Amino acid sequence: MKALDDSKLRRRYRNAYIALYVIGGLTMLLGLVTALGRVEVLPEVFAVEGAILIVFGYFTMRGSLLALGVATGLYAIDGVLTAAAGSYQGIVIRLLILYFLIQGLIALRELKRRETTGTS
C-alpha cells in the first residue's frame, strides 16, 4: 500500500472537520427554520444536535482524535437509527459525510502516529 504524504492526510483531516461544521450549521439552520415556521418538530433538538456537531468540529480542528472518533460514531449511529425508523431521505449525503469523517479519522490517526515517531 502506498503511503500518503502529509499534505493529503491533512486535506482529508481538514475535510472531516469542515464536514462537521457544515452539517452542524445546517442542522442548526433546520432547527431555526422549524422554529420560525412553527413546524411540529422539536427545533431545540436540531439546535442542540447542530451545536454539538460544531463543538466536535472545533475540537477536531484542534487535533482531537477522540472528538473526531466520537463524532463519527454518533453520526453513524444516528444514520442507522434514522434508516431503521424508515427515513431514507438524504441517505446518500449522510453516507458521503460519513465517508469524509472516516477518512479524516484515518488521516488524523496517521498524522498523530507520525508525530510520535518523528517520521514524515
Protein backbone atom coordinates (compact mmCIF):
# COMPACT_ATOMS: atom_id res chain seq x y z
CA MET A 1 0.00 0.00 0.00
CA LYS A 2 1.35 3.41 -0.98
CA ALA A 3 1.97 5.75 1.93
CA LEU A 4 0.14 9.05 1.75
CA ASP A 5 2.12 12.25 2.12
CA ASP A 6 1.34 14.65 4.94
CA SER A 7 -0.47 17.14 2.69
CA LYS A 8 -3.01 14.51 1.58
CA LEU A 9 -3.51 13.38 5.17
CA ARG A 10 -4.02 16.98 6.30
CA ARG A 11 -6.52 17.56 3.48
CA ARG A 12 -8.54 14.51 4.50
CA TYR A 13 -8.40 15.57 8.13
CA ARG A 14 -9.49 19.13 7.17
CA ASN A 15 -12.39 17.71 5.14
CA ALA A 16 -13.59 15.90 8.26
CA TYR A 17 -13.84 18.96 10.48
CA ILE A 18 -15.30 21.04 7.66
CA ALA A 19 -17.96 18.35 7.23
CA LEU A 20 -18.76 18.59 10.95
CA TYR A 21 -19.03 22.39 10.72
CA VAL A 22 -21.26 22.24 7.64
CA ILE A 23 -23.59 19.53 8.90
CA GLY A 24 -23.73 21.18 12.34
CA GLY A 25 -24.56 24.57 10.83
CA LEU A 26 -27.18 23.10 8.51
CA THR A 27 -28.75 21.19 11.39
CA MET A 28 -28.94 24.39 13.45
CA LEU A 29 -30.43 26.19 10.46
CA LEU A 30 -33.05 23.46 10.13
CA GLY A 31 -33.90 23.98 13.79
CA LEU A 32 -34.29 27.72 13.21
CA VAL A 33 -36.49 27.19 10.15
CA THR A 34 -38.74 24.75 12.02
CA ALA A 35 -38.99 27.16 14.95
CA LEU A 36 -39.88 30.11 12.73
CA GLY A 37 -42.29 28.03 10.66
CA ARG A 38 -43.88 26.67 13.80
CA VAL A 39 -43.47 23.15 12.46
CA GLU A 40 -44.46 20.39 14.87
CA VAL A 41 -40.87 19.17 15.12
CA LEU A 42 -38.78 19.95 18.17
CA PRO A 43 -36.47 22.73 16.91
CA GLU A 44 -34.48 22.54 20.14
CA VAL A 45 -33.33 19.04 19.19
CA PHE A 46 -31.92 20.31 15.90
CA ALA A 47 -30.28 23.28 17.59
CA VAL A 48 -28.62 21.12 20.24
CA GLU A 49 -27.52 18.47 17.73
CA GLY A 50 -26.11 21.16 15.43
CA ALA A 51 -24.25 22.85 18.28
CA ILE A 52 -22.78 19.53 19.40
CA LEU A 53 -21.51 18.81 15.87
CA ILE A 54 -19.95 22.26 15.67
CA VAL A 55 -18.21 21.72 19.01
CA PHE A 56 -16.90 18.36 17.76
CA GLY A 57 -15.73 20.16 14.61
CA TYR A 58 -13.85 22.70 16.71
CA PHE A 59 -12.07 20.09 18.80
CA THR A 60 -11.34 18.02 15.70
CA MET A 61 -9.82 21.09 14.07
CA ARG A 62 -7.62 21.45 17.15
CA GLY A 63 -6.37 17.90 16.58
CA SER A 64 -8.54 15.84 18.92
CA LEU A 65 -8.68 12.26 17.69
CA LEU A 66 -11.18 11.48 20.45
CA ALA A 67 -13.59 14.23 19.32
CA LEU A 68 -13.48 13.04 15.72
CA GLY A 69 -13.94 9.42 16.78
CA VAL A 70 -16.93 10.21 18.98
CA ALA A 71 -18.48 12.46 16.31
CA THR A 72 -18.03 9.77 13.66
CA GLY A 73 -19.55 7.13 15.92
CA LEU A 74 -22.51 9.30 16.89
CA TYR A 75 -23.12 10.29 13.28
CA ALA A 76 -23.04 6.64 12.21
CA ILE A 77 -25.42 5.59 15.00
CA ASP A 78 -27.77 8.46 14.13
CA GLY A 79 -27.74 7.33 10.49
CA VAL A 80 -28.51 3.73 11.40
CA LEU A 81 -31.35 4.76 13.72
CA THR A 82 -32.75 7.13 11.10
CA ALA A 83 -32.69 4.37 8.47
CA ALA A 84 -34.19 1.88 10.94
CA ALA A 85 -37.03 4.32 11.53
CA GLY A 86 -37.78 4.15 7.81
CA SER A 87 -36.45 7.55 6.77
CA TYR A 88 -34.17 7.26 3.78
CA GLN A 89 -34.20 10.90 2.73
CA GLY A 90 -30.69 12.24 2.41
CA ILE A 91 -29.07 8.82 2.83
CA VAL A 92 -26.57 9.49 0.03
CA ILE A 93 -25.46 12.78 1.62
CA ARG A 94 -25.27 11.09 5.02
CA LEU A 95 -23.07 8.32 3.61
CA LEU A 96 -20.85 10.87 1.88
CA ILE A 97 -20.36 12.81 5.11
CA LEU A 98 -19.67 9.58 6.98
CA TYR A 99 -17.06 8.74 4.33
CA PHE A 100 -15.33 12.11 4.91
CA LEU A 101 -15.42 11.59 8.67
CA ILE A 102 -13.92 8.10 8.44
CA GLN A 103 -11.23 9.27 6.01
CA GLY A 104 -10.44 12.15 8.36
CA LEU A 105 -10.26 9.79 11.31
CA ILE A 106 -7.79 7.54 9.50
CA ALA A 107 -5.73 10.53 8.35
CA LEU A 108 -5.61 12.18 11.78
CA ARG A 109 -4.61 8.91 13.41
CA GLU A 110 -1.78 8.52 10.90
CA LEU A 111 -0.65 12.13 11.41
CA LYS A 112 -0.61 11.60 15.18
CA ARG A 113 1.35 8.37 14.72
CA ARG A 114 3.89 10.17 12.55
CA GLU A 115 4.22 12.95 15.15
CA THR A 116 5.01 10.48 17.90
CA THR A 117 7.52 8.51 15.82
CA GLY A 118 9.10 11.66 14.39
CA THR A 119 8.92 10.47 10.79
CA SER A 120 7.19 12.05 7.82
